[in-house]
Amino acid sequence: MPVISITLLPGYSKEAESTMVRRVALAARSVIAAPAAGTTVFVHHASTYQRDGKVFGAGGAEHVDAARLVRQFLDRMERRDLDAARQLLAPDFAMRFPGSPVMHRLEELVQRSRASYRDVAKTYERFDESWTDDGTVVTCFGTLHGHWLDGSAFDGIRFIDRFEVADGLIRRQDVWNDLALHKPTTATTA
């Protein structure tokens, strides 16, 4: 069973330490077939250390909670508070929705959605995170509900959103959903 020791300099929040312990334990169990009950992670604290001839007495900056950041963005978009949502985006932000070209401005998405539905909201089942050298990937999924252009309601339509977060901002959003499969057809009369 894995026993892992982490040494940290002062300055990290209890939340950051707890998150690190949890994620290191998960990383170990993704490689070693060990149960959660058999995985132990310790955090030790050091007051100083030396590297490359320099003495350090504090740790580096903490990353934002990427899943929380994405949830804030989605909540702001659902309220159509575009100014507040925009504050969470990187300058080179890009998004892609089913059947759309790559968009870079939130107003493009709002304009495009006006041709499909009156309003839409999400019910979240889960948010998952994975980590790369470039940042954090957040995937959330659940169902959509709202109203079509004709006023009829829809509910229970599957969606998956994938976000790339780096330096505390959202760089990319990719969306998959089944809206097109459920969109009402308009009858034509001759």
N, C-alpha and C. Protein backbone atom coordinates (compact mmCIF):
# COMPACT_ATOMS: atom_id res chain seq x y z
N MET A 1 0.84 -1.17 0.00
CA MET A 1 0.00 0.00 0.00
C MET A 1 0.89 1.25 0.00
N PRO A 2 0.53 2.27 -0.77
CA PRO A 2 1.39 3.45 -0.86
C PRO A 2 1.31 4.33 0.39
N VAL A 3 2.49 4.79 0.81
CA VAL A 3 2.63 5.79 1.86
C VAL A 3 3.44 6.92 1.24
N ILE A 4 2.82 8.10 1.13
CA ILE A 4 3.41 9.21 0.39
C ILE A 4 3.63 10.38 1.34
N SER A 5 4.79 10.99 1.23
CA SER A 5 5.13 12.13 2.07
C SER A 5 5.33 13.37 1.18
N ILE A 6 4.67 14.45 1.56
CA ILE A 6 4.78 15.73 0.85
C ILE A 6 5.37 16.73 1.84
N THR A 7 6.34 17.52 1.39
CA THR A 7 6.89 18.58 2.22
C THR A 7 6.55 19.92 1.59
N LEU A 8 5.94 20.79 2.37
CA LEU A 8 5.52 22.11 1.89
C LEU A 8 6.16 23.21 2.72
N LEU A 9 6.43 24.31 2.05
CA LEU A 9 6.85 25.52 2.74
C LEU A 9 5.63 26.22 3.31
N PRO A 10 5.82 27.17 4.22
CA PRO A 10 4.68 27.87 4.80
C PRO A 10 3.91 28.70 3.77
N GLY A 11 2.66 28.99 4.11
CA GLY A 11 1.89 29.93 3.31
C GLY A 11 0.72 29.33 2.56
N TYR A 12 0.61 28.01 2.51
CA TYR A 12 -0.50 27.40 1.79
C TYR A 12 -1.71 27.29 2.70
N SER A 13 -2.87 27.46 2.12
CA SER A 13 -4.11 27.36 2.90
C SER A 13 -4.39 25.90 3.25
N LYS A 14 -5.19 25.72 4.28
CA LYS A 14 -5.61 24.35 4.66
C LYS A 14 -6.37 23.69 3.51
N GLU A 15 -7.16 24.49 2.79
CA GLU A 15 -7.90 23.96 1.64
C GLU A 15 -6.94 23.45 0.57
N ALA A 16 -5.86 24.20 0.29
CA ALA A 16 -4.88 23.77 -0.71
C ALA A 16 -4.19 22.48 -0.27
N GLU A 17 -3.83 22.39 1.01
CA GLU A 17 -3.19 21.17 1.50
C GLU A 17 -4.13 19.98 1.41
N SER A 18 -5.37 20.17 1.79
CA SER A 18 -6.36 19.10 1.72
C SER A 18 -6.56 18.64 0.28
N THR A 19 -6.67 19.60 -0.64
CA THR A 19 -6.83 19.26 -2.05
C THR A 19 -5.62 18.50 -2.56
N MET A 20 -4.42 18.94 -2.19
CA MET A 20 -3.21 18.26 -2.63
C MET A 20 -3.17 16.81 -2.12
N VAL A 21 -3.47 16.61 -0.85
CA VAL A 21 -3.47 15.26 -0.28
C VAL A 21 -4.45 14.37 -1.03
N ARG A 22 -5.64 14.87 -1.26
CA ARG A 22 -6.68 14.09 -1.95
C ARG A 22 -6.25 13.73 -3.38
N ARG A 23 -5.70 14.73 -4.10
CA ARG A 23 -5.31 14.49 -5.49
C ARG A 23 -4.09 13.59 -5.61
N VAL A 24 -3.13 13.73 -4.71
CA VAL A 24 -1.96 12.85 -4.75
C VAL A 24 -2.38 11.41 -4.46
N ALA A 25 -3.28 11.22 -3.52
CA ALA A 25 -3.78 9.87 -3.23
C ALA A 25 -4.48 9.29 -4.46
N LEU A 26 -5.30 10.10 -5.14
CA LEU A 26 -5.98 9.62 -6.36
C LEU A 26 -4.97 9.29 -7.46
N ALA A 27 -3.95 10.14 -7.60
CA ALA A 27 -2.93 9.87 -8.62
C ALA A 27 -2.21 8.56 -8.34
N ALA A 28 -1.89 8.31 -7.08
CA ALA A 28 -1.22 7.05 -6.74
C ALA A 28 -2.11 5.86 -7.06
N ARG A 29 -3.40 5.97 -6.71
CA ARG A 29 -4.32 4.86 -6.97
C ARG A 29 -4.66 4.70 -8.45
N SER A 30 -4.37 5.72 -9.26
CA SER A 30 -4.57 5.55 -10.70
C SER A 30 -3.46 4.72 -11.33
N VAL A 31 -2.36 4.53 -10.59
CA VAL A 31 -1.21 3.75 -11.08
C VAL A 31 -1.09 2.42 -10.34
N ILE A 32 -1.39 2.45 -9.04
CA ILE A 32 -1.26 1.27 -8.18
C ILE A 32 -2.64 0.80 -7.76
N ALA A 33 -2.90 -0.49 -7.86
CA ALA A 33 -4.20 -1.04 -7.47
C ALA A 33 -4.28 -1.12 -5.95
N ALA A 34 -4.45 0.05 -5.32
CA ALA A 34 -4.53 0.13 -3.86
C ALA A 34 -5.88 0.73 -3.49
N PRO A 35 -6.50 0.22 -2.44
CA PRO A 35 -7.77 0.80 -2.00
C PRO A 35 -7.54 2.15 -1.32
N ALA A 36 -8.57 2.96 -1.27
CA ALA A 36 -8.47 4.26 -0.60
C ALA A 36 -8.04 4.09 0.85
N ALA A 37 -8.57 3.06 1.51
CA ALA A 37 -8.24 2.83 2.91
C ALA A 37 -6.78 2.44 3.10
N GLY A 38 -6.12 1.97 2.06
CA GLY A 38 -4.72 1.56 2.16
C GLY A 38 -3.74 2.60 1.64
N THR A 39 -4.23 3.78 1.31
CA THR A 39 -3.38 4.84 0.77
C THR A 39 -3.23 5.94 1.81
N THR A 40 -1.98 6.22 2.18
CA THR A 40 -1.71 7.22 3.21
C THR A 40 -0.86 8.33 2.61
N VAL A 41 -1.27 9.58 2.85
CA VAL A 41 -0.52 10.74 2.38
C VAL A 41 -0.31 11.66 3.58
N PHE A 42 0.96 12.00 3.83
CA PHE A 42 1.33 12.91 4.92
C PHE A 42 1.79 14.24 4.33
N VAL A 43 1.54 15.32 5.06
CA VAL A 43 2.10 16.63 4.72
C VAL A 43 3.01 17.04 5.87
N HIS A 44 4.25 17.31 5.53
CA HIS A 44 5.22 17.85 6.48
C HIS A 44 5.46 19.30 6.11
N HIS A 45 5.83 20.10 7.09
CA HIS A 45 6.07 21.51 6.83
C HIS A 45 7.54 21.84 7.09
N ALA A 46 8.12 22.55 6.16
CA ALA A 46 9.50 23.03 6.30
C ALA A 46 9.45 24.55 6.36
N SER A 47 10.33 25.14 7.13
CA SER A 47 10.33 26.60 7.23
C SER A 47 11.17 27.24 6.13
N THR A 48 12.22 26.57 5.68
CA THR A 48 13.07 27.10 4.61
C THR A 48 13.71 25.96 3.84
N TYR A 49 14.19 26.28 2.65
CA TYR A 49 15.02 25.33 1.91
C TYR A 49 15.90 26.12 0.94
N GLN A 50 16.93 25.45 0.44
CA GLN A 50 17.84 26.08 -0.51
C GLN A 50 17.83 25.30 -1.82
N ARG A 51 17.77 26.07 -2.93
CA ARG A 51 17.88 25.47 -4.26
C ARG A 51 18.62 26.46 -5.14
N ASP A 52 19.55 25.95 -5.92
CA ASP A 52 20.34 26.80 -6.83
C ASP A 52 21.00 27.97 -6.10
N GLY A 53 21.44 27.72 -4.86
CA GLY A 53 22.14 28.75 -4.11
C GLY A 53 21.24 29.81 -3.50
N LYS A 54 19.93 29.65 -3.64
CA LYS A 54 18.98 30.63 -3.09
C LYS A 54 18.18 29.98 -1.97
N VAL A 55 17.90 30.76 -0.94
CA VAL A 55 17.12 30.27 0.19
C VAL A 55 15.68 30.74 0.04
N PHE A 56 14.75 29.81 0.21
CA PHE A 56 13.33 30.10 0.09
C PHE A 56 12.64 29.83 1.42
N GLY A 57 11.67 30.68 1.77
CA GLY A 57 10.96 30.52 3.03
C GLY A 57 9.46 30.50 2.87
N ALA A 58 8.98 30.52 1.62
CA ALA A 58 7.53 30.48 1.39
C ALA A 58 7.25 29.75 0.09
N GLY A 59 6.12 29.12 0.03
CA GLY A 59 5.73 28.39 -1.17
C GLY A 59 5.22 29.32 -2.26
N GLY A 60 4.95 28.76 -3.41
CA GLY A 60 4.44 29.52 -4.54
C GLY A 60 2.95 29.76 -4.43
N ALA A 61 2.42 30.37 -5.44
CA ALA A 61 0.99 30.72 -5.46
C ALA A 61 0.13 29.46 -5.61
N GLU A 62 -1.08 29.52 -5.09
CA GLU A 62 -2.05 28.44 -5.26
C GLU A 62 -2.84 28.68 -6.54
N HIS A 63 -3.19 27.61 -7.23
CA HIS A 63 -4.08 27.72 -8.39
C HIS A 63 -5.51 27.91 -7.92
N VAL A 64 -6.31 28.53 -8.76
CA VAL A 64 -7.73 28.65 -8.46
C VAL A 64 -8.37 27.27 -8.55
N ASP A 65 -9.48 27.10 -7.88
CA ASP A 65 -10.27 25.87 -8.01
C ASP A 65 -10.95 25.93 -9.37
N ALA A 66 -10.44 25.18 -10.33
CA ALA A 66 -10.89 25.28 -11.72
C ALA A 66 -12.36 24.90 -11.87
N ALA A 67 -12.82 23.87 -11.18
CA ALA A 67 -14.23 23.48 -11.29
C ALA A 67 -15.13 24.58 -10.74
N ARG A 68 -14.72 25.21 -9.66
CA ARG A 68 -15.51 26.31 -9.08
C ARG A 68 -15.54 27.50 -10.05
N LEU A 69 -14.40 27.79 -10.68
CA LEU A 69 -14.33 28.87 -11.67
C LEU A 69 -15.28 28.61 -12.84
N VAL A 70 -15.27 27.38 -13.35
CA VAL A 70 -16.16 27.01 -14.46
C VAL A 70 -17.62 27.14 -14.03
N ARG A 71 -17.94 26.69 -12.84
CA ARG A 71 -19.33 26.80 -12.36
C ARG A 71 -19.75 28.27 -12.26
N GLN A 72 -18.86 29.13 -11.78
CA GLN A 72 -19.16 30.57 -11.73
C GLN A 72 -19.45 31.11 -13.13
N PHE A 73 -18.62 30.70 -14.09
CA PHE A 73 -18.80 31.15 -15.47
C PHE A 73 -20.17 30.69 -16.00
N LEU A 74 -20.49 29.42 -15.82
CA LEU A 74 -21.76 28.89 -16.31
C LEU A 74 -22.95 29.56 -15.65
N ASP A 75 -22.86 29.82 -14.35
CA ASP A 75 -23.95 30.51 -13.65
C ASP A 75 -24.13 31.93 -14.20
N ARG A 76 -23.03 32.62 -14.45
CA ARG A 76 -23.12 33.98 -15.00
C ARG A 76 -23.69 33.97 -16.41
N MET A 77 -23.31 32.97 -17.20
CA MET A 77 -23.86 32.86 -18.55
C MET A 77 -25.35 32.56 -18.51
N GLU A 78 -25.78 31.70 -17.60
CA GLU A 78 -27.20 31.38 -17.49
C GLU A 78 -28.02 32.62 -17.14
N ARG A 79 -27.45 33.50 -16.33
CA ARG A 79 -28.11 34.77 -15.98
C ARG A 79 -27.94 35.81 -17.09
N ARG A 80 -27.14 35.49 -18.09
CA ARG A 80 -26.80 36.39 -19.19
C ARG A 80 -26.08 37.64 -18.68
N ASP A 81 -25.29 37.47 -17.62
CA ASP A 81 -24.43 38.52 -17.11
C ASP A 81 -23.09 38.41 -17.84
N LEU A 82 -23.09 38.87 -19.08
CA LEU A 82 -21.93 38.69 -19.95
C LEU A 82 -20.69 39.42 -19.45
N ASP A 83 -20.87 40.60 -18.87
CA ASP A 83 -19.72 41.34 -18.36
C ASP A 83 -19.02 40.56 -17.25
N ALA A 84 -19.80 40.01 -16.32
CA ALA A 84 -19.21 39.23 -15.22
C ALA A 84 -18.60 37.94 -15.75
N ALA A 85 -19.25 37.28 -16.69
CA ALA A 85 -18.71 36.04 -17.27
C ALA A 85 -17.40 36.32 -18.01
N ARG A 86 -17.34 37.40 -18.72
CA ARG A 86 -16.15 37.77 -19.50
C ARG A 86 -14.91 37.93 -18.62
N GLN A 87 -15.11 38.33 -17.37
CA GLN A 87 -13.99 38.51 -16.44
C GLN A 87 -13.25 37.21 -16.15
N LEU A 88 -13.88 36.08 -16.43
CA LEU A 88 -13.29 34.77 -16.14
C LEU A 88 -12.61 34.16 -17.37
N LEU A 89 -12.54 34.91 -18.47
CA LEU A 89 -12.02 34.38 -19.73
C LEU A 89 -10.63 34.91 -20.05
N ALA A 90 -9.80 34.05 -20.62
CA ALA A 90 -8.48 34.44 -21.10
C ALA A 90 -8.65 35.30 -22.35
N PRO A 91 -7.68 36.15 -22.66
CA PRO A 91 -7.77 36.99 -23.86
C PRO A 91 -7.94 36.20 -25.15
N ASP A 92 -7.39 34.99 -25.20
CA ASP A 92 -7.49 34.18 -26.42
C ASP A 92 -8.59 33.12 -26.33
N PHE A 93 -9.61 33.37 -25.49
CA PHE A 93 -10.70 32.42 -25.28
C PHE A 93 -11.34 32.00 -26.61
N ALA A 94 -11.64 30.70 -26.70
CA ALA A 94 -12.33 30.15 -27.88
C ALA A 94 -13.38 29.16 -27.39
N MET A 95 -14.52 29.13 -28.09
CA MET A 95 -15.58 28.17 -27.74
C MET A 95 -16.16 27.58 -29.01
N ARG A 96 -16.57 26.34 -28.90
CA ARG A 96 -17.20 25.66 -30.02
C ARG A 96 -18.42 24.90 -29.51
N PHE A 97 -19.54 25.13 -30.19
CA PHE A 97 -20.81 24.48 -29.88
C PHE A 97 -21.21 23.62 -31.07
N PRO A 98 -22.13 22.67 -30.88
CA PRO A 98 -22.52 21.81 -32.00
C PRO A 98 -22.95 22.62 -33.22
N GLY A 99 -22.36 22.30 -34.35
CA GLY A 99 -22.72 22.92 -35.61
C GLY A 99 -22.25 24.35 -35.79
N SER A 100 -21.37 24.83 -34.90
CA SER A 100 -20.95 26.23 -35.01
C SER A 100 -19.47 26.32 -35.36
N PRO A 101 -19.09 27.45 -35.94
CA PRO A 101 -17.66 27.71 -36.09
C PRO A 101 -17.08 28.08 -34.72
N VAL A 102 -15.79 28.17 -34.64
CA VAL A 102 -15.16 28.62 -33.40
C VAL A 102 -15.59 30.07 -33.15
N MET A 103 -16.01 30.34 -31.91
CA MET A 103 -16.43 31.69 -31.52
C MET A 103 -15.46 32.19 -30.45
N HIS A 104 -15.29 33.51 -30.38
CA HIS A 104 -14.38 34.11 -29.41
C HIS A 104 -15.06 35.12 -28.50
N ARG A 105 -16.27 35.49 -28.82
CA ARG A 105 -16.99 36.49 -28.03
C ARG A 105 -18.30 35.89 -27.52
N LEU A 106 -18.63 36.18 -26.29
CA LEU A 106 -19.87 35.65 -25.69
C LEU A 106 -21.10 36.13 -26.44
N GLU A 107 -21.03 37.33 -26.99
CA GLU A 107 -22.16 37.87 -27.74
C GLU A 107 -22.46 37.01 -28.97
N GLU A 108 -21.44 36.39 -29.55
CA GLU A 108 -21.65 35.50 -30.70
C GLU A 108 -22.51 34.31 -30.29
N LEU A 109 -22.23 33.75 -29.13
CA LEU A 109 -23.01 32.62 -28.64
C LEU A 109 -24.45 33.02 -28.36
N VAL A 110 -24.65 34.15 -27.70
CA VAL A 110 -26.00 34.61 -27.37
C VAL A 110 -26.79 34.83 -28.66
N GLN A 111 -26.18 35.49 -29.62
CA GLN A 111 -26.86 35.74 -30.89
C GLN A 111 -27.22 34.43 -31.59
N ARG A 112 -26.29 33.50 -31.61
CA ARG A 112 -26.52 32.21 -32.27
C ARG A 112 -27.65 31.42 -31.59
N SER A 113 -27.70 31.48 -30.26
CA SER A 113 -28.71 30.70 -29.53
C SER A 113 -30.12 31.24 -29.75
N ARG A 114 -30.25 32.52 -30.11
CA ARG A 114 -31.58 33.11 -30.33
C ARG A 114 -32.34 32.42 -31.46
N ALA A 115 -31.63 31.73 -32.34
CA ALA A 115 -32.28 31.02 -33.45
C ALA A 115 -32.74 29.62 -33.03
N SER A 116 -32.39 29.19 -31.80
CA SER A 116 -32.71 27.82 -31.38
C SER A 116 -33.70 27.73 -30.23
N TYR A 117 -33.58 28.62 -29.23
CA TYR A 117 -34.43 28.51 -28.05
C TYR A 117 -34.58 29.88 -27.39
N ARG A 118 -35.62 29.98 -26.54
CA ARG A 118 -35.85 31.22 -25.79
C ARG A 118 -34.91 31.32 -24.59
N ASP A 119 -34.80 30.20 -23.88
CA ASP A 119 -33.93 30.16 -22.70
C ASP A 119 -33.49 28.73 -22.47
N VAL A 120 -32.37 28.60 -21.78
CA VAL A 120 -31.84 27.28 -21.46
C VAL A 120 -31.12 27.37 -20.12
N ALA A 121 -31.20 26.30 -19.35
CA ALA A 121 -30.49 26.19 -18.08
C ALA A 121 -29.98 24.76 -17.95
N LYS A 122 -29.06 24.57 -17.03
CA LYS A 122 -28.42 23.26 -16.87
C LYS A 122 -28.69 22.70 -15.48
N THR A 123 -28.88 21.40 -15.45
CA THR A 123 -28.88 20.65 -14.21
C THR A 123 -27.61 19.81 -14.25
N TYR A 124 -26.72 20.01 -13.28
CA TYR A 124 -25.42 19.36 -13.31
C TYR A 124 -25.45 18.04 -12.57
N GLU A 125 -24.88 17.04 -13.20
CA GLU A 125 -24.70 15.76 -12.54
C GLU A 125 -23.36 15.70 -11.84
N ARG A 126 -22.32 16.23 -12.52
CA ARG A 126 -20.99 16.13 -11.93
C ARG A 126 -20.01 17.06 -12.66
N PHE A 127 -18.97 17.47 -11.93
CA PHE A 127 -17.82 18.17 -12.49
C PHE A 127 -16.60 17.30 -12.23
N ASP A 128 -15.82 17.05 -13.27
CA ASP A 128 -14.58 16.27 -13.15
C ASP A 128 -13.41 17.15 -13.56
N GLU A 129 -12.26 16.92 -12.94
CA GLU A 129 -11.05 17.64 -13.29
C GLU A 129 -9.95 16.66 -13.66
N SER A 130 -9.11 17.08 -14.60
CA SER A 130 -7.84 16.40 -14.88
C SER A 130 -6.80 17.48 -15.08
N TRP A 131 -5.55 17.12 -14.92
CA TRP A 131 -4.50 18.13 -14.89
C TRP A 131 -3.44 17.80 -15.93
N THR A 132 -2.94 18.85 -16.57
CA THR A 132 -1.89 18.72 -17.57
C THR A 132 -0.81 19.75 -17.24
N ASP A 133 0.28 19.71 -17.97
CA ASP A 133 1.33 20.72 -17.78
C ASP A 133 0.84 22.10 -18.15
N ASP A 134 -0.21 22.18 -18.98
CA ASP A 134 -0.73 23.46 -19.45
C ASP A 134 -1.84 24.02 -18.58
N GLY A 135 -2.38 23.25 -17.66
CA GLY A 135 -3.48 23.73 -16.83
C GLY A 135 -4.41 22.62 -16.42
N THR A 136 -5.65 22.98 -16.19
CA THR A 136 -6.67 22.03 -15.71
C THR A 136 -7.76 21.89 -16.76
N VAL A 137 -8.19 20.65 -16.98
CA VAL A 137 -9.33 20.37 -17.84
C VAL A 137 -10.51 20.05 -16.93
N VAL A 138 -11.60 20.79 -17.10
CA VAL A 138 -12.81 20.57 -16.32
C VAL A 138 -13.88 20.08 -17.28
N THR A 139 -14.48 18.96 -16.95
CA THR A 139 -15.59 18.43 -17.74
C THR A 139 -16.81 18.37 -16.83
N CYS A 140 -17.91 18.93 -17.29
CA CYS A 140 -19.14 18.82 -16.53
C CYS A 140 -20.22 18.25 -17.45
N PHE A 141 -21.15 17.57 -16.85
CA PHE A 141 -22.24 17.01 -17.64
C PHE A 141 -23.50 16.93 -16.82
N GLY A 142 -24.60 16.80 -17.55
CA GLY A 142 -25.90 16.75 -16.93
C GLY A 142 -26.97 16.88 -17.99
N THR A 143 -28.01 17.65 -17.68
CA THR A 143 -29.12 17.81 -18.63
C THR A 143 -29.49 19.28 -18.78
N LEU A 144 -30.09 19.57 -19.92
CA LEU A 144 -30.56 20.91 -20.24
C LEU A 144 -32.08 20.97 -20.09
N HIS A 145 -32.58 22.14 -19.69
CA HIS A 145 -34.02 22.38 -19.68
C HIS A 145 -34.24 23.84 -20.07
N GLY A 146 -35.40 24.11 -20.61
CA GLY A 146 -35.70 25.47 -21.05
C GLY A 146 -36.93 25.51 -21.92
N HIS A 147 -36.95 26.49 -22.84
CA HIS A 147 -38.10 26.68 -23.73
C HIS A 147 -37.64 26.89 -25.16
N TRP A 148 -38.31 26.19 -26.07
CA TRP A 148 -38.06 26.38 -27.49
C TRP A 148 -38.62 27.73 -27.94
N LEU A 149 -38.35 28.09 -29.14
CA LEU A 149 -38.83 29.37 -29.68
C LEU A 149 -40.36 29.46 -29.67
N ASP A 150 -41.05 28.33 -29.83
CA ASP A 150 -42.52 28.36 -29.84
C ASP A 150 -43.12 28.38 -28.43
N GLY A 151 -42.28 28.43 -27.41
CA GLY A 151 -42.74 28.49 -26.03
C GLY A 151 -42.88 27.14 -25.35
N SER A 152 -42.82 26.04 -26.11
CA SER A 152 -42.93 24.73 -25.48
C SER A 152 -41.66 24.42 -24.69
N ALA A 153 -41.85 23.66 -23.61
CA ALA A 153 -40.73 23.37 -22.70
C ALA A 153 -39.96 22.14 -23.17
N PHE A 154 -38.69 22.12 -22.83
CA PHE A 154 -37.89 20.91 -23.00
C PHE A 154 -37.16 20.65 -21.69
N ASP A 155 -36.79 19.38 -21.49
CA ASP A 155 -36.14 18.98 -20.24
C ASP A 155 -35.42 17.66 -20.49
N GLY A 156 -34.39 17.40 -19.73
CA GLY A 156 -33.71 16.11 -19.77
C GLY A 156 -32.83 15.89 -20.99
N ILE A 157 -32.39 16.95 -21.64
CA ILE A 157 -31.54 16.81 -22.83
C ILE A 157 -30.08 16.79 -22.38
N ARG A 158 -29.36 15.74 -22.77
CA ARG A 158 -27.98 15.55 -22.31
C ARG A 158 -27.02 16.62 -22.85
N PHE A 159 -26.03 16.95 -22.02
CA PHE A 159 -24.94 17.83 -22.46
C PHE A 159 -23.64 17.41 -21.79
N ILE A 160 -22.55 17.75 -22.44
CA ILE A 160 -21.21 17.65 -21.87
C ILE A 160 -20.48 18.93 -22.25
N ASP A 161 -19.86 19.59 -21.29
CA ASP A 161 -19.02 20.75 -21.54
C ASP A 161 -17.60 20.41 -21.09
N ARG A 162 -16.63 20.77 -21.92
CA ARG A 162 -15.22 20.58 -21.58
C ARG A 162 -14.54 21.94 -21.61
N PHE A 163 -13.85 22.28 -20.52
CA PHE A 163 -13.18 23.56 -20.38
C PHE A 163 -11.68 23.35 -20.16
N GLU A 164 -10.88 24.26 -20.68
CA GLU A 164 -9.46 24.32 -20.37
C GLU A 164 -9.22 25.59 -19.58
N VAL A 165 -8.62 25.44 -18.40
CA VAL A 165 -8.37 26.55 -17.49
C VAL A 165 -6.87 26.66 -17.27
N ALA A 166 -6.32 27.86 -17.43
CA ALA A 166 -4.90 28.11 -17.17
C ALA A 166 -4.73 29.51 -16.60
N ASP A 167 -3.83 29.63 -15.66
CA ASP A 167 -3.54 30.93 -15.04
C ASP A 167 -4.80 31.59 -14.50
N GLY A 168 -5.71 30.79 -13.97
CA GLY A 168 -6.91 31.32 -13.33
C GLY A 168 -7.99 31.81 -14.26
N LEU A 169 -7.86 31.50 -15.57
CA LEU A 169 -8.86 31.94 -16.55
C LEU A 169 -9.24 30.79 -17.49
N ILE A 170 -10.43 30.88 -18.06
CA ILE A 170 -10.90 29.87 -19.00
C ILE A 170 -10.38 30.20 -20.39
N ARG A 171 -9.65 29.24 -20.98
CA ARG A 171 -9.08 29.45 -22.32
C ARG A 171 -9.96 28.87 -23.42
N ARG A 172 -10.67 27.79 -23.11
CA ARG A 172 -11.41 27.09 -24.17
C ARG A 172 -12.63 26.41 -23.57
N GLN A 173 -13.70 26.37 -24.37
CA GLN A 173 -14.92 25.64 -24.02
C GLN A 173 -15.37 24.88 -25.24
N ASP A 174 -15.59 23.59 -25.08
CA ASP A 174 -16.17 22.73 -26.13
C ASP A 174 -17.44 22.13 -25.56
N VAL A 175 -18.51 22.16 -26.36
CA VAL A 175 -19.83 21.72 -25.90
C VAL A 175 -20.38 20.65 -26.82
N TRP A 176 -20.94 19.61 -26.22
CA TRP A 176 -21.67 18.59 -26.95
C TRP A 176 -23.03 18.45 -26.27
N ASN A 177 -24.10 18.40 -27.07
CA ASN A 177 -25.43 18.18 -26.50
C ASN A 177 -26.36 17.58 -27.55
N ASP A 178 -27.51 17.14 -27.09
CA ASP A 178 -28.51 16.50 -27.95
C ASP A 178 -29.66 17.44 -28.30
N LEU A 179 -29.47 18.74 -28.22
CA LEU A 179 -30.56 19.67 -28.52
C LEU A 179 -31.15 19.44 -29.91
N ALA A 180 -30.28 19.24 -30.90
CA ALA A 180 -30.76 19.08 -32.28
C ALA A 180 -31.66 17.85 -32.44
N LEU A 181 -31.44 16.83 -31.61
CA LEU A 181 -32.26 15.62 -31.70
C LEU A 181 -33.67 15.84 -31.17
N HIS A 182 -33.86 16.87 -30.36
CA HIS A 182 -35.15 17.09 -29.71
C HIS A 182 -35.86 18.34 -30.20
N LYS A 183 -35.21 19.11 -31.05
CA LYS A 183 -35.78 20.38 -31.52
C LYS A 183 -37.08 20.12 -32.27
N PRO A 184 -38.13 20.87 -31.93
CA PRO A 184 -39.42 20.65 -32.61
C PRO A 184 -39.31 21.01 -34.08
N THR A 185 -40.01 20.26 -34.91
CA THR A 185 -40.05 20.55 -36.33
C THR A 185 -41.27 21.42 -36.60
N THR A 186 -41.13 22.33 -37.51
CA THR A 186 -42.27 23.18 -37.84
C THR A 186 -42.96 22.60 -39.07
N ALA A 187 -44.25 22.47 -38.96
CA ALA A 187 -45.02 21.91 -40.06
C ALA A 187 -45.22 23.00 -41.14
N THR A 188 -45.13 22.61 -42.36
CA THR A 188 -45.36 23.55 -43.46
C THR A 188 -46.71 23.23 -44.08
N THR A 189 -47.41 24.26 -44.47
CA THR A 189 -48.71 24.07 -45.12
C THR A 189 -48.60 24.57 -46.55
N ALA A 190 -49.32 23.92 -47.43
CA ALA A 190 -49.28 24.31 -48.86
C ALA A 190 -50.47 25.16 -49.21
